[in-house]
N, C-alpha and C. Protein backbone atom coordinates (compact mmCIF):
# COMPACT_ATOMS: atom_id res chain seq x y z
N MET A 1 -72.40 -57.17 5.48
CA MET A 1 -73.45 -58.08 6.09
C MET A 1 -74.19 -58.94 4.71
N TYR A 2 -73.56 -60.25 4.68
CA TYR A 2 -74.35 -60.98 3.74
C TYR A 2 -75.79 -61.38 3.65
N LEU A 3 -76.49 -61.69 2.99
CA LEU A 3 -77.43 -62.22 2.54
C LEU A 3 -77.57 -63.74 2.85
N GLU A 4 -78.19 -64.64 3.84
CA GLU A 4 -78.04 -65.66 3.67
C GLU A 4 -78.89 -66.36 2.71
N PRO A 5 -78.26 -67.30 2.07
CA PRO A 5 -79.19 -67.70 1.20
C PRO A 5 -80.42 -68.74 1.16
N LYS A 6 -81.37 -69.77 0.86
CA LYS A 6 -82.37 -70.17 1.16
C LYS A 6 -81.99 -71.80 0.98
N ILE A 7 -81.81 -72.87 1.85
CA ILE A 7 -81.06 -73.82 1.86
C ILE A 7 -82.18 -74.99 1.55
N THR A 8 -82.21 -75.92 0.49
CA THR A 8 -83.09 -76.88 0.15
C THR A 8 -83.05 -78.54 0.33
N TRP A 9 -83.25 -79.20 1.21
CA TRP A 9 -82.81 -80.58 0.92
C TRP A 9 -83.76 -81.41 0.34
N LEU A 10 -83.31 -81.64 -0.67
CA LEU A 10 -84.03 -82.61 -1.23
C LEU A 10 -83.56 -84.29 -1.91
N GLY A 11 -83.02 -84.70 -0.36
CA GLY A 11 -82.98 -86.01 0.43
C GLY A 11 -81.53 -86.50 -0.42
N HIS A 12 -81.21 -87.69 0.47
CA HIS A 12 -79.57 -88.16 0.00
C HIS A 12 -78.88 -87.00 0.16
N SER A 13 -78.09 -86.40 -0.95
CA SER A 13 -76.93 -85.43 -1.10
C SER A 13 -77.30 -84.39 -2.00
N SER A 14 -78.67 -84.54 -2.24
CA SER A 14 -78.85 -83.20 -2.97
C SER A 14 -79.45 -82.18 -2.68
N PHE A 15 -79.03 -80.97 -2.89
CA PHE A 15 -80.01 -79.63 -2.63
C PHE A 15 -79.86 -78.48 -3.55
N ARG A 16 -81.00 -77.80 -2.78
CA ARG A 16 -81.01 -76.81 -4.05
C ARG A 16 -80.84 -75.44 -3.20
N ILE A 17 -80.36 -74.29 -3.90
CA ILE A 17 -79.56 -73.48 -3.20
C ILE A 17 -80.17 -71.72 -3.77
N GLU A 18 -81.23 -70.83 -3.32
CA GLU A 18 -81.46 -70.65 -3.78
C GLU A 18 -80.98 -68.58 -3.18
N HIS A 19 -80.40 -67.80 -3.89
CA HIS A 19 -79.58 -66.70 -3.38
C HIS A 19 -79.59 -65.62 -4.58
N LYS A 20 -80.53 -64.44 -4.40
CA LYS A 20 -80.39 -63.25 -5.22
C LYS A 20 -80.81 -63.37 -6.52
N GLY A 21 -82.26 -64.40 -6.61
CA GLY A 21 -82.10 -64.61 -7.94
C GLY A 21 -81.66 -65.79 -8.63
N LYS A 22 -80.71 -66.63 -8.10
CA LYS A 22 -80.11 -67.11 -8.64
C LYS A 22 -80.64 -68.73 -8.38
N VAL A 23 -80.16 -69.81 -8.73
CA VAL A 23 -80.71 -71.36 -8.51
C VAL A 23 -79.60 -71.83 -8.39
N VAL A 24 -78.98 -73.04 -7.84
CA VAL A 24 -77.98 -73.94 -7.31
C VAL A 24 -78.48 -75.17 -7.19
N TYR A 25 -78.06 -75.85 -7.72
CA TYR A 25 -78.55 -77.22 -7.55
C TYR A 25 -77.30 -78.78 -7.30
N ILE A 26 -77.18 -79.31 -6.12
CA ILE A 26 -75.77 -79.83 -6.24
C ILE A 26 -76.43 -81.61 -5.87
N ASP A 27 -75.84 -82.33 -6.97
CA ASP A 27 -76.14 -83.58 -6.79
C ASP A 27 -77.33 -84.19 -7.16
N PRO A 28 -78.32 -83.47 -7.88
CA PRO A 28 -79.45 -83.96 -7.98
C PRO A 28 -80.13 -85.24 -8.49
N TRP A 29 -80.54 -85.87 -7.61
CA TRP A 29 -81.33 -87.15 -7.94
C TRP A 29 -82.75 -87.18 -6.96
N LYS A 30 -83.06 -88.31 -7.98
CA LYS A 30 -84.44 -88.54 -7.48
C LYS A 30 -85.31 -87.25 -6.90
N ILE A 31 -85.27 -86.10 -7.71
CA ILE A 31 -86.01 -85.07 -7.39
C ILE A 31 -87.38 -84.61 -8.51
N GLU A 32 -88.71 -83.89 -7.76
CA GLU A 32 -89.46 -83.90 -8.76
C GLU A 32 -89.75 -83.13 -9.72
N GLY A 33 -88.36 -81.96 -9.66
CA GLY A 33 -88.25 -81.08 -10.63
C GLY A 33 -88.15 -79.70 -9.73
N GLY A 34 -88.33 -78.30 -10.45
CA GLY A 34 -88.06 -77.25 -9.35
C GLY A 34 -87.61 -76.21 -10.43
N PRO A 35 -87.34 -74.98 -9.73
CA PRO A 35 -87.09 -73.67 -10.98
C PRO A 35 -86.27 -74.49 -11.39
N LYS A 36 -85.67 -73.79 -12.68
CA LYS A 36 -84.75 -73.72 -13.46
C LYS A 36 -83.74 -73.45 -12.95
N ALA A 37 -82.44 -74.63 -12.94
CA ALA A 37 -81.10 -73.59 -12.36
C ALA A 37 -80.24 -73.02 -13.24
N ASP A 38 -79.61 -72.32 -13.02
CA ASP A 38 -78.40 -71.12 -13.45
C ASP A 38 -77.39 -72.20 -13.35
N LEU A 39 -76.98 -73.16 -12.17
CA LEU A 39 -75.87 -73.59 -12.03
C LEU A 39 -75.77 -74.93 -10.91
N ILE A 40 -75.49 -76.17 -11.98
CA ILE A 40 -75.80 -77.21 -11.46
C ILE A 40 -74.49 -78.20 -10.97
N VAL A 41 -73.89 -78.51 -9.69
CA VAL A 41 -72.88 -78.64 -9.49
C VAL A 41 -72.97 -80.46 -9.27
N VAL A 42 -71.94 -81.26 -9.85
CA VAL A 42 -72.37 -82.63 -9.43
C VAL A 42 -70.62 -83.15 -9.10
N THR A 43 -70.93 -83.40 -7.73
CA THR A 43 -69.46 -83.70 -6.85
C THR A 43 -69.09 -85.31 -7.40
N HIS A 44 -69.23 -86.25 -8.26
CA HIS A 44 -68.72 -87.46 -8.63
C HIS A 44 -69.95 -88.08 -9.50
N SER A 45 -69.40 -88.99 -10.19
CA SER A 45 -70.16 -90.10 -11.22
C SER A 45 -71.09 -91.24 -10.81
N HIS A 46 -71.10 -91.57 -9.59
CA HIS A 46 -71.97 -92.62 -9.32
C HIS A 46 -73.68 -91.77 -9.12
N MET A 47 -74.19 -93.15 -9.55
CA MET A 47 -75.84 -92.68 -9.97
C MET A 47 -76.69 -91.66 -9.13
N ASP A 48 -76.47 -92.21 -7.52
CA ASP A 48 -77.25 -91.47 -6.92
C ASP A 48 -76.16 -90.02 -6.42
N HIS A 49 -75.68 -89.51 -7.10
CA HIS A 49 -75.13 -88.03 -7.39
C HIS A 49 -75.19 -87.66 -8.82
N PHE A 50 -74.42 -88.11 -9.94
CA PHE A 50 -75.00 -87.68 -11.23
C PHE A 50 -75.91 -88.50 -12.10
N SER A 51 -77.14 -87.88 -11.95
CA SER A 51 -78.49 -88.42 -12.77
C SER A 51 -78.78 -87.56 -14.17
N ASP A 52 -78.35 -87.79 -15.26
CA ASP A 52 -79.12 -87.10 -15.96
C ASP A 52 -80.09 -86.80 -16.42
N ASP A 53 -81.06 -87.98 -15.96
CA ASP A 53 -82.50 -87.49 -15.93
C ASP A 53 -83.13 -86.44 -15.31
N ASP A 54 -82.37 -86.25 -14.12
CA ASP A 54 -82.91 -85.15 -12.73
C ASP A 54 -82.00 -84.24 -13.20
N ILE A 55 -80.78 -83.96 -13.77
CA ILE A 55 -80.24 -82.78 -14.05
C ILE A 55 -81.27 -82.36 -15.56
N ARG A 56 -81.48 -83.03 -16.33
CA ARG A 56 -82.32 -82.52 -17.06
C ARG A 56 -84.12 -82.02 -16.58
N LYS A 57 -84.70 -81.94 -15.26
CA LYS A 57 -85.50 -81.71 -14.80
C LYS A 57 -85.23 -80.36 -14.76
N VAL A 58 -84.15 -79.71 -14.43
CA VAL A 58 -84.00 -78.33 -14.06
C VAL A 58 -83.05 -77.55 -14.96
N ALA A 59 -82.13 -78.14 -15.53
CA ALA A 59 -81.45 -77.78 -16.23
C ALA A 59 -82.23 -76.47 -17.63
N GLY A 60 -81.59 -75.36 -17.84
CA GLY A 60 -82.06 -74.67 -19.29
C GLY A 60 -81.39 -74.60 -20.13
N ASP A 61 -81.82 -73.51 -21.00
CA ASP A 61 -80.63 -73.75 -22.30
C ASP A 61 -79.16 -73.11 -21.59
N ASP A 62 -79.43 -72.17 -20.85
CA ASP A 62 -78.24 -71.35 -20.55
C ASP A 62 -77.27 -71.90 -18.73
N THR A 63 -77.71 -73.29 -18.64
CA THR A 63 -77.49 -73.72 -17.14
C THR A 63 -76.16 -74.27 -17.18
N VAL A 64 -75.39 -73.90 -16.35
CA VAL A 64 -74.10 -73.85 -16.46
C VAL A 64 -73.85 -75.79 -15.59
N ILE A 65 -73.02 -76.59 -16.07
CA ILE A 65 -73.10 -77.43 -15.21
C ILE A 65 -71.62 -77.79 -14.90
N ILE A 66 -71.30 -77.97 -13.44
CA ILE A 66 -70.28 -78.16 -13.21
C ILE A 66 -69.64 -79.39 -11.98
N GLY A 67 -68.33 -80.16 -12.66
CA GLY A 67 -68.50 -81.39 -12.07
C GLY A 67 -67.38 -82.19 -11.86
N SER A 68 -66.97 -83.15 -11.20
CA SER A 68 -65.83 -84.21 -11.51
C SER A 68 -65.51 -84.37 -12.92
N GLN A 69 -64.67 -84.59 -13.24
CA GLN A 69 -64.28 -84.60 -14.80
C GLN A 69 -64.55 -85.64 -15.34
N ASP A 70 -65.06 -86.50 -14.93
CA ASP A 70 -65.85 -88.20 -15.03
C ASP A 70 -67.28 -87.75 -15.89
N ILE A 71 -68.05 -86.53 -15.63
CA ILE A 71 -69.26 -86.83 -15.69
C ILE A 71 -69.40 -86.25 -17.08
N GLU A 72 -70.76 -86.61 -17.67
CA GLU A 72 -70.86 -86.17 -19.00
C GLU A 72 -72.43 -86.04 -19.07
N PRO A 73 -72.83 -85.02 -18.58
CA PRO A 73 -74.47 -84.65 -19.15
C PRO A 73 -75.02 -84.29 -20.28
N SER A 74 -75.83 -84.60 -20.73
CA SER A 74 -76.46 -84.32 -22.09
C SER A 74 -76.96 -83.05 -22.25
N VAL A 75 -77.42 -82.54 -21.59
CA VAL A 75 -77.81 -80.75 -21.58
C VAL A 75 -77.06 -79.96 -21.06
N GLY A 76 -76.91 -78.58 -21.35
CA GLY A 76 -76.29 -77.77 -20.79
C GLY A 76 -75.09 -77.31 -21.17
N ARG A 77 -73.82 -76.33 -20.55
CA ARG A 77 -72.69 -76.59 -20.81
C ARG A 77 -72.01 -76.95 -19.64
N SER A 78 -71.24 -77.88 -19.87
CA SER A 78 -70.38 -78.72 -18.91
C SER A 78 -69.16 -78.37 -18.70
N ILE A 79 -68.21 -78.27 -17.01
CA ILE A 79 -67.13 -77.62 -17.25
C ILE A 79 -66.51 -78.53 -16.03
N GLY A 80 -65.68 -79.36 -16.38
CA GLY A 80 -64.89 -80.42 -15.52
C GLY A 80 -63.49 -80.06 -14.41
N LEU A 81 -64.18 -80.10 -13.55
CA LEU A 81 -62.78 -79.35 -12.57
C LEU A 81 -62.43 -80.66 -11.94
N LYS A 82 -61.01 -80.39 -11.47
CA LYS A 82 -59.82 -81.31 -10.33
C LYS A 82 -59.91 -80.79 -9.43
N PRO A 83 -59.43 -81.64 -8.06
CA PRO A 83 -59.15 -81.40 -7.29
C PRO A 83 -58.11 -79.81 -7.12
N GLY A 84 -58.45 -78.63 -6.26
CA GLY A 84 -57.52 -77.25 -6.66
C GLY A 84 -58.09 -76.44 -7.80
N ASP A 85 -58.78 -76.91 -8.86
CA ASP A 85 -59.69 -76.17 -9.60
C ASP A 85 -60.07 -75.09 -8.83
N GLU A 86 -60.37 -73.89 -9.16
CA GLU A 86 -61.74 -73.12 -9.18
C GLU A 86 -62.46 -72.31 -10.34
N LYS A 87 -63.79 -72.38 -10.45
CA LYS A 87 -64.32 -71.34 -11.43
C LYS A 87 -65.21 -70.56 -11.06
N ASP A 88 -64.70 -69.41 -11.19
CA ASP A 88 -65.64 -68.29 -10.91
C ASP A 88 -66.53 -67.78 -12.13
N LEU A 89 -68.01 -67.61 -11.92
CA LEU A 89 -68.67 -67.13 -12.28
C LEU A 89 -69.62 -65.98 -12.42
N GLY A 90 -68.95 -65.32 -11.77
CA GLY A 90 -69.02 -63.74 -11.75
C GLY A 90 -70.20 -63.42 -10.18
N TRP A 91 -71.15 -64.20 -10.12
CA TRP A 91 -71.97 -64.13 -9.17
C TRP A 91 -71.95 -65.10 -8.20
N SER A 92 -71.00 -66.17 -8.38
CA SER A 92 -70.86 -67.52 -7.51
C SER A 92 -69.72 -68.02 -8.31
N LYS A 93 -68.73 -68.57 -7.11
CA LYS A 93 -67.19 -69.15 -7.74
C LYS A 93 -67.54 -70.56 -6.61
N VAL A 94 -66.93 -71.39 -7.49
CA VAL A 94 -66.43 -72.92 -6.73
C VAL A 94 -65.63 -73.21 -6.87
N GLU A 95 -65.20 -73.85 -5.80
CA GLU A 95 -63.64 -74.31 -5.74
C GLU A 95 -62.97 -75.80 -5.25
N ALA A 96 -62.80 -76.65 -6.04
CA ALA A 96 -63.28 -78.12 -5.82
C ALA A 96 -61.52 -78.48 -5.21
N TYR A 97 -62.48 -79.31 -4.15
CA TYR A 97 -61.12 -80.18 -3.08
C TYR A 97 -61.83 -81.58 -3.22
N ARG A 98 -60.70 -82.29 -2.61
CA ARG A 98 -60.71 -83.88 -2.67
C ARG A 98 -61.94 -84.14 -1.93
N ALA A 99 -62.43 -85.47 -2.37
CA ALA A 99 -63.19 -86.11 -1.81
C ALA A 99 -63.01 -87.43 -2.44
N TYR A 100 -63.23 -88.59 -0.85
CA TYR A 100 -62.21 -89.85 -0.75
C TYR A 100 -62.31 -90.76 0.19
N ASN A 101 -62.40 -92.12 0.42
CA ASN A 101 -62.06 -92.84 1.09
C ASN A 101 -60.50 -93.34 1.51
N PRO A 102 -59.99 -93.38 2.45
CA PRO A 102 -58.56 -93.90 2.36
C PRO A 102 -58.58 -95.34 2.46
N ASP A 103 -59.51 -95.54 3.32
CA ASP A 103 -59.21 -97.11 3.30
C ASP A 103 -60.26 -97.91 2.90
N LYS A 104 -61.14 -97.44 2.30
CA LYS A 104 -62.60 -98.33 1.07
C LYS A 104 -62.29 -97.99 -0.14
N GLN A 105 -62.58 -98.90 -0.74
CA GLN A 105 -62.73 -98.94 -2.00
C GLN A 105 -64.07 -98.31 -2.99
N PHE A 106 -64.44 -97.47 -2.68
CA PHE A 106 -66.17 -96.90 -3.02
C PHE A 106 -65.50 -95.94 -3.45
N HIS A 107 -64.59 -95.16 -3.14
CA HIS A 107 -64.28 -93.52 -3.71
C HIS A 107 -62.82 -93.58 -3.98
N PRO A 108 -62.21 -93.90 -4.50
CA PRO A 108 -60.78 -93.83 -4.39
C PRO A 108 -60.21 -92.64 -4.65
N LYS A 109 -59.15 -91.99 -4.38
CA LYS A 109 -58.41 -91.14 -4.38
C LYS A 109 -58.18 -90.84 -5.66
N ALA A 110 -57.84 -91.66 -6.60
CA ALA A 110 -57.48 -91.44 -7.57
C ALA A 110 -58.20 -90.72 -8.76
N ASN A 111 -59.53 -91.28 -8.40
CA ASN A 111 -60.90 -90.71 -9.46
C ASN A 111 -60.74 -89.20 -9.30
N ASP A 112 -60.75 -88.58 -8.50
CA ASP A 112 -60.11 -87.31 -8.76
C ASP A 112 -61.67 -86.80 -8.66
N TRP A 113 -62.27 -87.32 -7.60
CA TRP A 113 -63.75 -86.94 -7.31
C TRP A 113 -63.84 -85.64 -6.30
N LEU A 114 -65.25 -84.92 -6.31
CA LEU A 114 -65.03 -83.55 -5.66
C LEU A 114 -66.13 -83.76 -4.37
N GLY A 115 -65.34 -82.71 -3.54
CA GLY A 115 -65.90 -82.13 -2.28
C GLY A 115 -65.85 -80.55 -3.05
N VAL A 116 -66.86 -79.46 -2.94
CA VAL A 116 -66.60 -78.68 -3.60
C VAL A 116 -67.46 -77.59 -2.20
N VAL A 117 -66.26 -75.92 -2.43
CA VAL A 117 -66.83 -74.67 -2.02
C VAL A 117 -67.94 -74.07 -2.89
N ILE A 118 -68.86 -73.36 -2.63
CA ILE A 118 -69.74 -72.58 -3.27
C ILE A 118 -69.84 -71.30 -2.68
N ASP A 119 -69.03 -70.19 -3.01
CA ASP A 119 -69.57 -68.83 -2.26
C ASP A 119 -70.06 -68.17 -3.36
N LEU A 120 -71.38 -67.58 -2.45
CA LEU A 120 -72.44 -66.73 -3.00
C LEU A 120 -71.94 -65.46 -2.18
N SER A 121 -71.56 -64.60 -2.89
CA SER A 121 -71.49 -63.06 -1.98
C SER A 121 -70.66 -63.25 -0.97
N GLY A 122 -70.08 -64.29 -0.62
CA GLY A 122 -69.29 -64.24 0.78
C GLY A 122 -69.55 -65.41 1.46
N TYR A 123 -71.01 -65.79 1.13
CA TYR A 123 -71.72 -67.11 1.86
C TYR A 123 -71.02 -68.30 1.84
N ARG A 124 -70.53 -68.91 2.75
CA ARG A 124 -69.75 -70.14 1.79
C ARG A 124 -70.31 -71.48 2.35
N ILE A 125 -70.86 -72.26 1.13
CA ILE A 125 -71.19 -73.72 2.11
C ILE A 125 -70.35 -74.46 1.29
N TYR A 126 -69.87 -75.59 1.84
CA TYR A 126 -69.28 -76.58 1.59
C TYR A 126 -70.04 -77.65 1.44
N HIS A 127 -69.96 -78.61 0.62
CA HIS A 127 -70.43 -79.93 0.08
C HIS A 127 -69.27 -80.66 0.21
N THR A 128 -69.38 -81.27 1.20
CA THR A 128 -68.44 -82.82 1.50
C THR A 128 -67.99 -83.51 0.07
N GLY A 129 -69.26 -83.86 -0.55
CA GLY A 129 -68.97 -84.91 -1.33
C GLY A 129 -69.10 -86.37 -0.71
N ASP A 130 -68.88 -87.36 -1.43
CA ASP A 130 -68.71 -88.81 -0.65
C ASP A 130 -67.28 -88.77 0.04
N THR A 131 -66.90 -88.92 0.91
CA THR A 131 -65.64 -89.15 1.85
C THR A 131 -65.63 -89.13 3.30
N ASP A 132 -64.55 -89.62 3.51
CA ASP A 132 -64.27 -90.15 4.93
C ASP A 132 -63.42 -88.91 5.47
N VAL A 133 -63.06 -88.70 6.40
CA VAL A 133 -62.16 -88.00 7.17
C VAL A 133 -60.97 -87.74 6.68
N ILE A 134 -60.41 -86.60 5.72
CA ILE A 134 -59.12 -86.89 4.97
C ILE A 134 -58.45 -85.19 5.39
N PRO A 135 -57.14 -85.36 5.42
CA PRO A 135 -56.03 -84.61 5.74
C PRO A 135 -56.51 -82.81 5.00
N GLU A 136 -56.92 -83.84 3.65
CA GLU A 136 -57.18 -81.75 2.77
C GLU A 136 -58.26 -81.22 2.91
N MET A 137 -59.25 -81.86 4.26
CA MET A 137 -59.96 -81.20 4.72
C MET A 137 -59.54 -79.40 5.41
N ASN A 138 -58.22 -79.85 5.88
CA ASN A 138 -57.56 -78.56 6.24
C ASN A 138 -57.44 -77.39 5.91
N GLU A 139 -57.69 -77.66 4.53
CA GLU A 139 -57.69 -77.02 3.04
C GLU A 139 -58.80 -75.64 3.39
N VAL A 140 -59.94 -76.45 3.85
CA VAL A 140 -61.29 -76.09 3.65
C VAL A 140 -61.16 -74.66 4.68
N LYS A 141 -61.64 -73.59 4.42
CA LYS A 141 -61.77 -72.00 5.17
C LYS A 141 -62.57 -71.67 5.28
N ASP A 142 -63.18 -70.99 5.91
CA ASP A 142 -64.24 -69.89 6.27
C ASP A 142 -65.22 -70.27 5.47
N ILE A 143 -66.38 -71.47 6.51
CA ILE A 143 -67.23 -72.02 5.89
C ILE A 143 -68.31 -71.56 6.93
N ASP A 144 -69.16 -71.10 5.99
CA ASP A 144 -70.49 -70.75 6.64
C ASP A 144 -71.23 -71.96 6.97
N LEU A 145 -71.78 -73.04 6.09
CA LEU A 145 -72.63 -74.14 5.99
C LEU A 145 -72.04 -75.12 5.55
N ALA A 146 -72.08 -76.00 6.22
CA ALA A 146 -71.48 -77.62 5.94
C ALA A 146 -72.33 -78.46 5.59
N LEU A 147 -72.29 -79.41 4.63
CA LEU A 147 -73.45 -80.37 4.01
C LEU A 147 -72.55 -81.69 3.67
N VAL A 148 -72.61 -82.49 4.88
CA VAL A 148 -71.88 -83.67 5.57
C VAL A 148 -72.68 -84.86 5.56
N PRO A 149 -72.16 -85.73 5.27
CA PRO A 149 -72.62 -87.08 4.96
C PRO A 149 -72.21 -87.88 6.69
N VAL A 150 -73.47 -88.70 6.92
CA VAL A 150 -73.54 -89.24 8.40
C VAL A 150 -74.30 -90.36 8.16
N GLY A 151 -74.06 -91.28 7.10
CA GLY A 151 -74.77 -92.57 7.17
C GLY A 151 -73.75 -93.62 7.25
N GLY A 152 -72.39 -93.58 7.11
CA GLY A 152 -71.61 -94.73 7.16
C GLY A 152 -71.46 -95.29 5.96
N THR A 153 -70.83 -96.21 5.99
CA THR A 153 -70.56 -97.60 4.89
C THR A 153 -69.35 -96.62 4.02
N TYR A 154 -70.73 -95.76 3.02
CA TYR A 154 -69.61 -95.78 1.70
C TYR A 154 -69.01 -93.92 2.08
N THR A 155 -69.61 -93.52 3.18
CA THR A 155 -68.82 -92.67 3.52
C THR A 155 -68.53 -92.14 4.95
N MET A 156 -68.35 -90.91 5.76
CA MET A 156 -68.52 -90.87 7.18
C MET A 156 -69.35 -91.42 8.02
N THR A 157 -69.18 -91.85 9.03
CA THR A 157 -70.65 -91.89 10.27
C THR A 157 -70.68 -90.91 11.31
N ALA A 158 -71.66 -90.93 11.81
CA ALA A 158 -71.62 -89.30 12.52
C ALA A 158 -70.47 -89.11 13.40
N ALA A 159 -69.62 -90.04 14.04
CA ALA A 159 -68.79 -89.79 14.94
C ALA A 159 -67.66 -88.67 13.58
N GLU A 160 -67.45 -89.60 12.91
CA GLU A 160 -66.44 -89.00 12.00
C GLU A 160 -66.99 -87.66 11.18
N ALA A 161 -68.38 -87.71 10.75
CA ALA A 161 -68.71 -86.24 10.16
C ALA A 161 -68.45 -84.91 11.82
N ALA A 162 -68.67 -85.42 12.69
CA ALA A 162 -68.42 -84.46 13.68
C ALA A 162 -66.62 -84.18 13.84
N GLU A 163 -65.78 -84.94 13.47
CA GLU A 163 -64.39 -84.84 13.08
C GLU A 163 -64.57 -83.71 12.19
N CYS A 164 -64.90 -84.23 11.06
CA CYS A 164 -65.15 -83.60 9.87
C CYS A 164 -65.12 -81.72 10.32
N VAL A 165 -66.21 -81.63 11.21
CA VAL A 165 -66.64 -80.79 11.17
C VAL A 165 -65.61 -79.50 12.27
N ARG A 166 -65.35 -81.00 13.33
CA ARG A 166 -64.12 -80.05 14.09
C ARG A 166 -63.20 -79.60 13.26
N ILE A 167 -62.62 -80.14 12.23
CA ILE A 167 -61.44 -79.54 11.12
C ILE A 167 -62.17 -78.45 10.63
N VAL A 168 -63.01 -78.41 9.84
CA VAL A 168 -63.43 -77.54 8.94
C VAL A 168 -64.31 -76.78 9.51
N LYS A 169 -64.51 -76.08 11.00
CA LYS A 169 -65.04 -75.31 11.73
C LYS A 169 -65.87 -74.30 11.22
N PRO A 170 -67.08 -74.93 10.63
CA PRO A 170 -68.36 -74.16 9.99
C PRO A 170 -68.83 -73.67 10.77
N LYS A 171 -69.86 -72.54 10.94
CA LYS A 171 -70.64 -72.11 11.74
C LYS A 171 -72.07 -72.60 11.79
N LYS A 172 -72.04 -73.76 10.81
CA LYS A 172 -73.60 -74.44 10.77
C LYS A 172 -73.41 -75.72 10.36
N ALA A 173 -74.12 -76.63 10.46
CA ALA A 173 -74.04 -77.96 9.25
C ALA A 173 -75.35 -78.83 9.41
N VAL A 174 -75.42 -79.29 8.42
CA VAL A 174 -76.93 -80.03 7.54
C VAL A 174 -76.21 -81.57 7.62
N PRO A 175 -76.75 -82.64 8.14
CA PRO A 175 -76.27 -84.20 7.83
C PRO A 175 -76.74 -84.09 6.67
N MET A 176 -76.52 -85.29 5.90
CA MET A 176 -77.04 -85.55 4.31
C MET A 176 -76.30 -87.08 4.41
N HIS A 177 -76.96 -87.99 3.53
CA HIS A 177 -76.82 -89.06 2.74
C HIS A 177 -77.14 -89.81 3.62
N TRP A 178 -78.59 -89.44 4.07
CA TRP A 178 -78.88 -90.58 4.69
C TRP A 178 -80.48 -90.76 4.76
N GLY A 179 -81.38 -91.69 4.79
CA GLY A 179 -82.25 -91.80 4.46
C GLY A 179 -82.90 -91.91 3.26
N ASP A 180 -82.25 -92.66 2.31
CA ASP A 180 -81.80 -93.20 1.51
C ASP A 180 -80.87 -94.04 1.39
N ILE A 181 -80.70 -95.39 0.90
CA ILE A 181 -79.50 -96.26 0.39
C ILE A 181 -78.95 -96.78 1.79
N ILE A 182 -78.51 -95.54 2.52
CA ILE A 182 -77.83 -95.65 3.57
C ILE A 182 -78.34 -94.93 5.07
N GLY A 183 -78.13 -95.46 6.14
CA GLY A 183 -78.38 -94.55 6.79
C GLY A 183 -79.95 -94.12 7.67
N GLY A 184 -79.91 -93.73 8.68
CA GLY A 184 -81.55 -93.26 8.88
C GLY A 184 -81.31 -91.99 10.24
N ARG A 185 -82.44 -91.35 10.25
CA ARG A 185 -82.56 -90.29 11.55
C ARG A 185 -81.87 -90.34 12.63
N LYS A 186 -81.51 -91.52 13.33
CA LYS A 186 -80.65 -91.45 14.13
C LYS A 186 -79.20 -91.04 14.22
N ASP A 187 -78.87 -91.54 12.70
CA ASP A 187 -77.33 -91.18 12.44
C ASP A 187 -77.35 -89.27 12.36
N ALA A 188 -78.49 -88.80 11.66
CA ALA A 188 -78.75 -86.96 12.06
C ALA A 188 -78.28 -86.75 12.99
N GLU A 189 -79.11 -87.42 14.19
CA GLU A 189 -79.62 -87.51 15.40
C GLU A 189 -77.93 -87.33 16.19
N ASP A 190 -77.55 -88.42 16.19
CA ASP A 190 -75.94 -88.75 16.80
C ASP A 190 -75.29 -87.55 16.16
N PHE A 191 -74.89 -87.19 15.09
CA PHE A 191 -74.53 -86.11 14.84
C PHE A 191 -74.53 -84.64 15.12
N ALA A 192 -75.61 -84.90 15.35
CA ALA A 192 -76.23 -83.42 15.85
C ALA A 192 -75.89 -83.36 17.53
N LYS A 193 -75.75 -84.44 18.25
CA LYS A 193 -75.24 -84.51 19.78
C LYS A 193 -73.53 -84.03 19.51
N LEU A 194 -72.86 -84.90 18.69
CA LEU A 194 -71.72 -85.11 18.99
C LEU A 194 -70.95 -83.65 18.21
N ALA A 195 -71.79 -83.17 17.38
CA ALA A 195 -70.87 -82.04 16.48
C ALA A 195 -70.31 -80.19 17.15
N LYS A 196 -69.63 -79.87 17.16
CA LYS A 196 -69.09 -78.97 18.11
C LYS A 196 -69.66 -77.36 17.09
N CYS A 197 -70.83 -77.64 16.50
CA CYS A 197 -71.21 -76.49 15.95
C CYS A 197 -73.03 -76.42 15.69
N SER A 198 -73.49 -75.88 15.33
CA SER A 198 -74.62 -75.30 15.01
C SER A 198 -74.96 -77.01 14.07
N VAL A 199 -76.05 -77.50 14.23
CA VAL A 199 -76.69 -78.68 13.08
C VAL A 199 -78.36 -78.47 13.24
N VAL A 200 -78.65 -77.85 12.00
CA VAL A 200 -79.91 -78.60 11.40
C VAL A 200 -80.29 -79.59 10.77
N ILE A 201 -81.07 -80.23 11.45
CA ILE A 201 -81.39 -81.76 10.39
C ILE A 201 -83.16 -81.43 10.09
N MET A 202 -82.74 -81.24 8.54
CA MET A 202 -83.66 -80.80 7.61
C MET A 202 -84.71 -82.44 7.09
N ALA A 203 -85.38 -81.72 6.76
CA ALA A 203 -86.55 -82.80 6.15
C ALA A 203 -86.75 -82.78 4.49
N PRO A 204 -86.60 -84.11 3.84
CA PRO A 204 -85.94 -83.52 2.68
C PRO A 204 -87.81 -83.21 1.50
N GLU A 205 -87.82 -82.23 0.70
CA GLU A 205 -88.73 -81.96 -0.01
C GLU A 205 -88.39 -82.03 -1.33
N LYS A 206 -89.22 -82.88 -1.91
CA LYS A 206 -89.50 -83.23 -3.12
C LYS A 206 -89.70 -82.41 -3.99
């Protein structure tokens, strides 16, 4: 039986995950700071996901930064992944999946931007990145928690996010990518009504 990690939503698509003394940040942006990161994961290079200033707030000398191949952080030890790659850090494993818009120009498939699965001692967290519903989601397996955008325009709408979790079949989902730039609480609530899994609507913590 695994121990569930502590998940904190930092607003937009940014999360902090704490597990067995380790700290992971995903797409830190507009954060006030926090405990130093063992691992920072960046899904792609858009400014609301890859923020060097925010990375600096939580990165230490030994922080590992894993992201799409086009990020160039000025601190930490950076490892670029492309879809299909994996990186095993011993205490965690990061699996890279595709994230893109099939019919919109915001997140082209050719950019090789990422959704990621972070495996923490068997507890598997899927952060979709900025994406619409795509066939590659069928490759994502055994997910305990899915972090799913619901704001529309640049990513999935609430209804499309519900289709995503129908495909991925997580045990639980948290709506993200709302409340800043695009989307509101109604999008999160609509997703909770439509999704065929347990949904937790989180309040952002800065």
